[in-house]
């Protein structure tokens, strides 16, 4: 888990604990959804970068 993910989860939990109103519950759920999407995008970017690096390595090899 990245530091920004942990920060967002903690902030959402604190807000929810301070005021468990339906609006805060919805906001906490939205934060969790955004964090999940950010994590997924981060994984996709890392996979694409790794693929690009491996393709660059393969194309740099002498034939």
N, C-alpha and C. Protein backbone atom coordinates (compact mmCIF):
# COMPACT_ATOMS: atom_id res chain seq x y z
N UNK A 1 0.86 -1.18 0.00
CA UNK A 1 0.00 0.00 0.00
C UNK A 1 0.90 1.23 0.00
N UNK A 2 0.60 2.15 -0.87
CA UNK A 2 1.37 3.37 -0.96
C UNK A 2 0.97 4.35 0.13
N UNK A 3 1.86 5.29 0.43
CA UNK A 3 1.61 6.24 1.51
C UNK A 3 0.35 7.05 1.25
N UNK A 4 0.10 7.42 0.00
CA UNK A 4 -1.09 8.24 -0.30
C UNK A 4 -2.37 7.44 -0.13
N UNK A 5 -2.28 6.14 -0.38
CA UNK A 5 -3.42 5.26 -0.18
C UNK A 5 -3.73 5.18 1.30
N UNK A 6 -2.69 4.99 2.10
CA UNK A 6 -2.87 4.90 3.55
C UNK A 6 -3.44 6.20 4.11
N UNK A 7 -2.94 7.34 3.63
CA UNK A 7 -3.42 8.65 4.09
C UNK A 7 -4.90 8.82 3.78
N UNK A 8 -5.30 8.46 2.58
CA UNK A 8 -6.70 8.61 2.17
C UNK A 8 -7.60 7.71 3.00
N UNK A 9 -7.17 6.49 3.23
CA UNK A 9 -7.98 5.56 4.03
C UNK A 9 -8.13 6.05 5.47
N UNK A 10 -7.05 6.53 6.03
CA UNK A 10 -7.10 7.04 7.40
C UNK A 10 -7.99 8.27 7.51
N UNK A 11 -7.87 9.17 6.55
CA UNK A 11 -8.69 10.40 6.57
C UNK A 11 -10.16 10.05 6.43
N UNK A 12 -10.49 9.11 5.56
CA UNK A 12 -11.88 8.71 5.38
C UNK A 12 -12.41 8.06 6.65
N UNK A 13 -11.61 7.22 7.29
CA UNK A 13 -12.04 6.56 8.52
C UNK A 13 -12.24 7.56 9.64
N UNK A 14 -11.35 8.54 9.74
CA UNK A 14 -11.49 9.56 10.78
C UNK A 14 -12.75 10.40 10.56
N UNK A 15 -13.01 10.78 9.33
CA UNK A 15 -14.20 11.58 9.03
C UNK A 15 -15.47 10.78 9.32
N UNK A 16 -15.44 9.51 8.97
CA UNK A 16 -16.60 8.65 9.21
C UNK A 16 -16.83 8.46 10.70
N UNK A 17 -15.76 8.30 11.47
CA UNK A 17 -15.89 8.11 12.91
C UNK A 17 -16.37 9.39 13.59
N UNK A 18 -15.91 10.54 13.10
CA UNK A 18 -16.29 11.81 13.70
C UNK A 18 -17.76 12.13 13.46
N UNK A 19 -18.26 11.75 12.29
CA UNK A 19 -19.65 12.05 11.95
C UNK A 19 -20.17 10.97 11.02
N UNK A 20 -20.81 9.94 11.58
CA UNK A 20 -21.28 8.82 10.76
C UNK A 20 -22.60 9.10 10.02
N UNK A 21 -22.78 10.34 9.59
CA UNK A 21 -24.00 10.68 8.86
C UNK A 21 -23.97 10.03 7.47
N UNK A 22 -25.13 9.89 6.85
CA UNK A 22 -25.17 9.28 5.50
C UNK A 22 -24.27 10.01 4.50
N UNK A 23 -24.19 11.33 4.60
CA UNK A 23 -23.32 12.08 3.69
C UNK A 23 -21.86 11.73 3.87
N UNK A 24 -21.42 11.60 5.12
CA UNK A 24 -20.03 11.23 5.37
C UNK A 24 -19.76 9.78 4.98
N UNK A 25 -20.73 8.92 5.19
CA UNK A 25 -20.56 7.52 4.77
C UNK A 25 -20.40 7.44 3.26
N UNK A 26 -21.17 8.23 2.54
CA UNK A 26 -21.07 8.25 1.07
C UNK A 26 -19.72 8.83 0.66
N UNK A 27 -19.30 9.89 1.32
CA UNK A 27 -18.00 10.49 0.99
C UNK A 27 -16.86 9.50 1.25
N UNK A 28 -16.95 8.77 2.34
CA UNK A 28 -15.91 7.78 2.65
C UNK A 28 -15.89 6.68 1.59
N UNK A 29 -17.06 6.26 1.15
CA UNK A 29 -17.14 5.24 0.10
C UNK A 29 -16.56 5.77 -1.21
N UNK A 30 -16.81 7.04 -1.50
CA UNK A 30 -16.25 7.63 -2.72
C UNK A 30 -14.74 7.73 -2.65
N UNK A 31 -14.22 8.08 -1.47
CA UNK A 31 -12.77 8.13 -1.30
C UNK A 31 -12.17 6.75 -1.53
N UNK A 32 -12.80 5.73 -0.95
CA UNK A 32 -12.30 4.36 -1.14
C UNK A 32 -12.32 3.96 -2.60
N UNK A 33 -13.38 4.33 -3.32
CA UNK A 33 -13.47 4.00 -4.74
C UNK A 33 -12.38 4.71 -5.54
N UNK A 34 -12.15 5.98 -5.22
CA UNK A 34 -11.10 6.72 -5.92
C UNK A 34 -9.72 6.15 -5.63
N UNK A 35 -9.49 5.77 -4.40
CA UNK A 35 -8.21 5.17 -4.03
C UNK A 35 -8.02 3.85 -4.78
N UNK A 36 -9.07 3.06 -4.88
CA UNK A 36 -8.98 1.80 -5.62
C UNK A 36 -8.65 2.04 -7.09
N UNK A 37 -9.30 3.04 -7.67
CA UNK A 37 -9.01 3.36 -9.08
C UNK A 37 -7.59 3.87 -9.24
N UNK A 38 -7.12 4.68 -8.31
CA UNK A 38 -5.75 5.18 -8.38
C UNK A 38 -4.74 4.04 -8.27
N UNK A 39 -5.00 3.10 -7.38
CA UNK A 39 -4.12 1.93 -7.24
C UNK A 39 -4.10 1.12 -8.54
N UNK A 40 -5.28 0.92 -9.13
CA UNK A 40 -5.35 0.16 -10.38
C UNK A 40 -4.59 0.87 -11.50
N UNK A 41 -4.76 2.18 -11.60
CA UNK A 41 -4.04 2.94 -12.62
C UNK A 41 -2.54 2.90 -12.39
N UNK A 42 -2.14 2.93 -11.12
CA UNK A 42 -0.72 2.84 -10.79
C UNK A 42 -0.15 1.49 -11.23
N UNK A 43 -0.90 0.42 -10.98
CA UNK A 43 -0.44 -0.92 -11.40
C UNK A 43 -0.36 -1.03 -12.92
N UNK A 44 -1.35 -0.45 -13.60
CA UNK A 44 -1.34 -0.49 -15.07
C UNK A 44 -0.13 0.27 -15.61
N UNK A 45 0.13 1.45 -15.05
CA UNK A 45 1.28 2.24 -15.49
C UNK A 45 2.58 1.48 -15.25
N UNK A 46 2.70 0.84 -14.11
CA UNK A 46 3.91 0.07 -13.81
C UNK A 46 4.08 -1.09 -14.78
N UNK A 47 2.98 -1.76 -15.11
CA UNK A 47 3.04 -2.88 -16.06
C UNK A 47 3.43 -2.39 -17.45
N UNK A 48 2.88 -1.27 -17.87
CA UNK A 48 3.24 -0.72 -19.17
C UNK A 48 4.69 -0.28 -19.21
N UNK A 49 5.16 0.31 -18.13
CA UNK A 49 6.56 0.72 -18.06
C UNK A 49 7.47 -0.49 -18.11
N UNK A 50 7.12 -1.54 -17.40
CA UNK A 50 7.93 -2.77 -17.43
C UNK A 50 7.94 -3.38 -18.82
N UNK A 51 6.78 -3.35 -19.47
CA UNK A 51 6.70 -3.90 -20.84
C UNK A 51 7.58 -3.08 -21.78
N UNK A 52 7.50 -1.75 -21.66
CA UNK A 52 8.31 -0.88 -22.51
C UNK A 52 9.80 -1.11 -22.26
N UNK A 53 10.16 -1.30 -21.00
CA UNK A 53 11.56 -1.56 -20.67
C UNK A 53 12.04 -2.88 -21.27
N UNK A 54 11.21 -3.91 -21.19
CA UNK A 54 11.60 -5.22 -21.74
C UNK A 54 11.67 -5.16 -23.26
N UNK A 55 10.76 -4.40 -23.90
CA UNK A 55 10.82 -4.27 -25.35
C UNK A 55 12.07 -3.49 -25.77
N UNK A 56 12.43 -2.49 -25.00
CA UNK A 56 13.64 -1.72 -25.31
C UNK A 56 14.87 -2.59 -25.15
N UNK A 57 14.88 -3.45 -24.16
CA UNK A 57 16.00 -4.36 -23.94
C UNK A 57 16.10 -5.35 -25.08
N UNK A 58 14.97 -5.90 -25.51
CA UNK A 58 14.97 -6.86 -26.61
C UNK A 58 15.42 -6.21 -27.91
N UNK A 59 15.00 -4.99 -28.17
CA UNK A 59 15.38 -4.33 -29.43
C UNK A 59 16.83 -3.86 -29.40
N UNK A 60 17.41 -3.73 -28.23
CA UNK A 60 18.82 -3.28 -28.13
C UNK A 60 19.80 -4.43 -28.29
N UNK A 61 19.32 -5.67 -28.20
CA UNK A 61 20.21 -6.83 -28.34
C UNK A 61 20.68 -6.97 -29.79
N UNK A 62 21.96 -7.28 -29.96
CA UNK A 62 22.45 -7.53 -31.32
C UNK A 62 21.90 -8.84 -31.86
N UNK A 63 21.65 -8.86 -33.14
CA UNK A 63 21.09 -10.09 -33.77
C UNK A 63 22.15 -10.90 -34.43
